[in-house]
Amino acid sequence: MSNFNKVLLMGRLTRDPELRYTPQGTPVAEVGLAVNREYTVGTERRKDTTFVDITLWRRQAEVVCQYLKKGQPLFVEGHLSLDSWEAQDGQKRSKLRVIAENFQFLGARGE
């Protein structure tokens, strides 16, 4: 059986991008993306929002931090990655995130 790990998301930033650098000097940015889904149950319209953490590396990280801020739209193409760690209370934690491979600005300039 083959495997396929690809994510396409379009949404709005939930916070300003945060740029930092690894000890080797590689830029990395973290952004939050709110992705809405509208659907109908019977005659009632409903809306769900999913919040996704996205990591961008190298030049993409710098560009996103330079041009985007909270509330602006973004299209992201990437893959899922599972982060696992042990919390201070000893419980094991995990979180899915998207590692961006490509992105595209959406909306008008200055929006």
Protein backbone atom coordinates (compact mmCIF):
# COMPACT_ATOMS: atom_id res chain seq x y z
CA MET A 1 0.00 0.00 0.00
CA SER A 2 1.27 3.48 -0.87
CA ASN A 3 1.30 6.44 1.47
CA PHE A 4 0.35 10.02 0.70
CA ASN A 5 0.83 12.99 3.04
CA LYS A 6 -0.31 16.24 1.43
CA VAL A 7 -2.31 19.12 2.92
CA LEU A 8 -3.89 22.08 1.12
CA LEU A 9 -5.34 24.81 3.35
CA MET A 10 -6.78 28.25 2.76
CA GLY A 11 -7.59 30.49 5.70
CA ARG A 12 -6.67 33.56 7.70
CA LEU A 13 -3.77 34.07 10.09
CA THR A 14 -4.83 33.92 13.74
CA ARG A 15 -1.77 35.85 14.94
CA ASP A 16 1.22 37.70 13.58
CA PRO A 17 3.92 35.33 12.28
CA GLU A 18 6.78 34.66 14.70
CA LEU A 19 10.27 34.46 13.20
CA ARG A 20 13.14 32.80 15.04
CA TYR A 21 16.38 31.12 14.10
CA THR A 22 17.81 27.69 14.82
CA PRO A 23 21.27 27.49 16.45
CA GLN A 24 22.66 26.95 12.93
CA GLY A 25 21.04 30.23 11.77
CA THR A 26 18.17 28.76 9.74
CA PRO A 27 15.03 30.94 9.80
CA VAL A 28 11.82 29.27 10.98
CA ALA A 29 8.38 30.87 11.36
CA GLU A 30 5.28 29.71 13.17
CA VAL A 31 1.82 30.88 12.09
CA GLY A 32 -1.68 29.95 13.10
CA LEU A 33 -4.32 29.53 10.41
CA ALA A 34 -8.09 29.57 10.92
CA VAL A 35 -9.87 27.50 8.28
CA ASN A 36 -13.67 27.80 8.03
CA ARG A 37 -16.09 25.16 6.75
CA GLU A 38 -19.74 25.90 6.07
CA TYR A 39 -22.31 23.14 5.74
CA THR A 40 -26.05 22.52 6.01
CA VAL A 41 -27.87 20.26 8.47
CA GLY A 42 -31.50 20.04 7.36
CA THR A 43 -32.37 23.67 6.71
CA GLU A 44 -29.85 25.10 9.17
CA ARG A 45 -26.54 26.58 7.96
CA ARG A 46 -23.60 25.86 10.25
CA LYS A 47 -19.99 26.99 10.34
CA ASP A 48 -17.00 25.23 11.90
CA THR A 49 -13.57 26.74 12.33
CA THR A 50 -10.43 24.63 12.60
CA PHE A 51 -7.22 26.16 13.93
CA VAL A 52 -4.01 24.79 12.43
CA ASP A 53 -0.39 25.48 13.40
CA ILE A 54 1.93 25.86 10.41
CA THR A 55 5.73 25.90 10.30
CA LEU A 56 7.64 27.57 7.47
CA TRP A 57 11.38 27.27 6.93
CA ARG A 58 14.18 29.31 5.35
CA ARG A 59 13.25 32.04 2.86
CA GLN A 60 9.54 31.21 3.09
CA ALA A 61 9.65 31.96 6.82
CA GLU A 62 11.26 35.34 6.22
CA VAL A 63 8.83 36.32 3.45
CA VAL A 64 5.72 35.40 5.46
CA CYS A 65 6.99 37.40 8.44
CA GLN A 66 7.85 40.36 6.24
CA TYR A 67 4.52 40.65 4.40
CA LEU A 68 1.77 39.08 6.52
CA LYS A 69 0.04 39.90 9.78
CA LYS A 70 -2.93 38.68 11.80
CA GLY A 71 -6.17 38.40 9.82
CA GLN A 72 -4.66 38.21 6.35
CA PRO A 73 -5.53 35.30 4.03
CA LEU A 74 -3.01 32.63 3.05
CA PHE A 75 -3.00 29.46 0.94
CA VAL A 76 -0.62 26.75 2.20
CA GLU A 77 0.53 23.48 0.65
CA GLY A 78 2.47 21.11 2.88
CA HIS A 79 2.52 17.86 4.82
CA LEU A 80 1.44 16.74 8.29
CA SER A 81 3.98 16.24 11.03
CA LEU A 82 3.40 14.84 14.53
CA ASP A 83 5.20 16.51 17.44
CA SER A 84 5.45 14.40 20.62
CA TRP A 85 6.81 15.42 24.02
CA GLU A 86 6.47 14.78 27.72
CA ALA A 87 4.85 17.58 29.73
CA GLN A 88 6.19 18.79 33.08
CA ASP A 89 3.50 16.74 34.85
CA GLY A 90 4.85 13.58 33.18
CA GLN A 91 1.99 13.12 30.72
CA LYS A 92 2.80 12.37 27.11
CA ARG A 93 1.52 15.00 24.67
CA SER A 94 1.31 15.16 20.90
CA LYS A 95 0.17 17.66 18.32
CA LEU A 96 -0.30 17.61 14.56
CA ARG A 97 1.11 20.51 12.59
CA VAL A 98 1.59 21.34 8.93
CA ILE A 99 5.09 21.81 7.54
CA ALA A 100 4.68 24.24 4.64
CA GLU A 101 6.28 23.31 1.34
CA ASN A 102 4.72 26.13 -0.65
CA PHE A 103 2.38 29.06 -0.03
CA GLN A 104 0.58 31.80 -1.88
CA PHE A 105 -0.59 35.22 -0.73
CA LEU A 106 -4.31 35.84 -1.23
CA GLY A 107 -6.32 39.05 -1.36
CA ALA A 108 -5.32 42.51 -2.47
CA ARG A 109 -2.06 44.23 -1.53
CA GLY A 110 -2.25 46.02 1.77
CA GLU A 111 -5.29 43.98 2.87
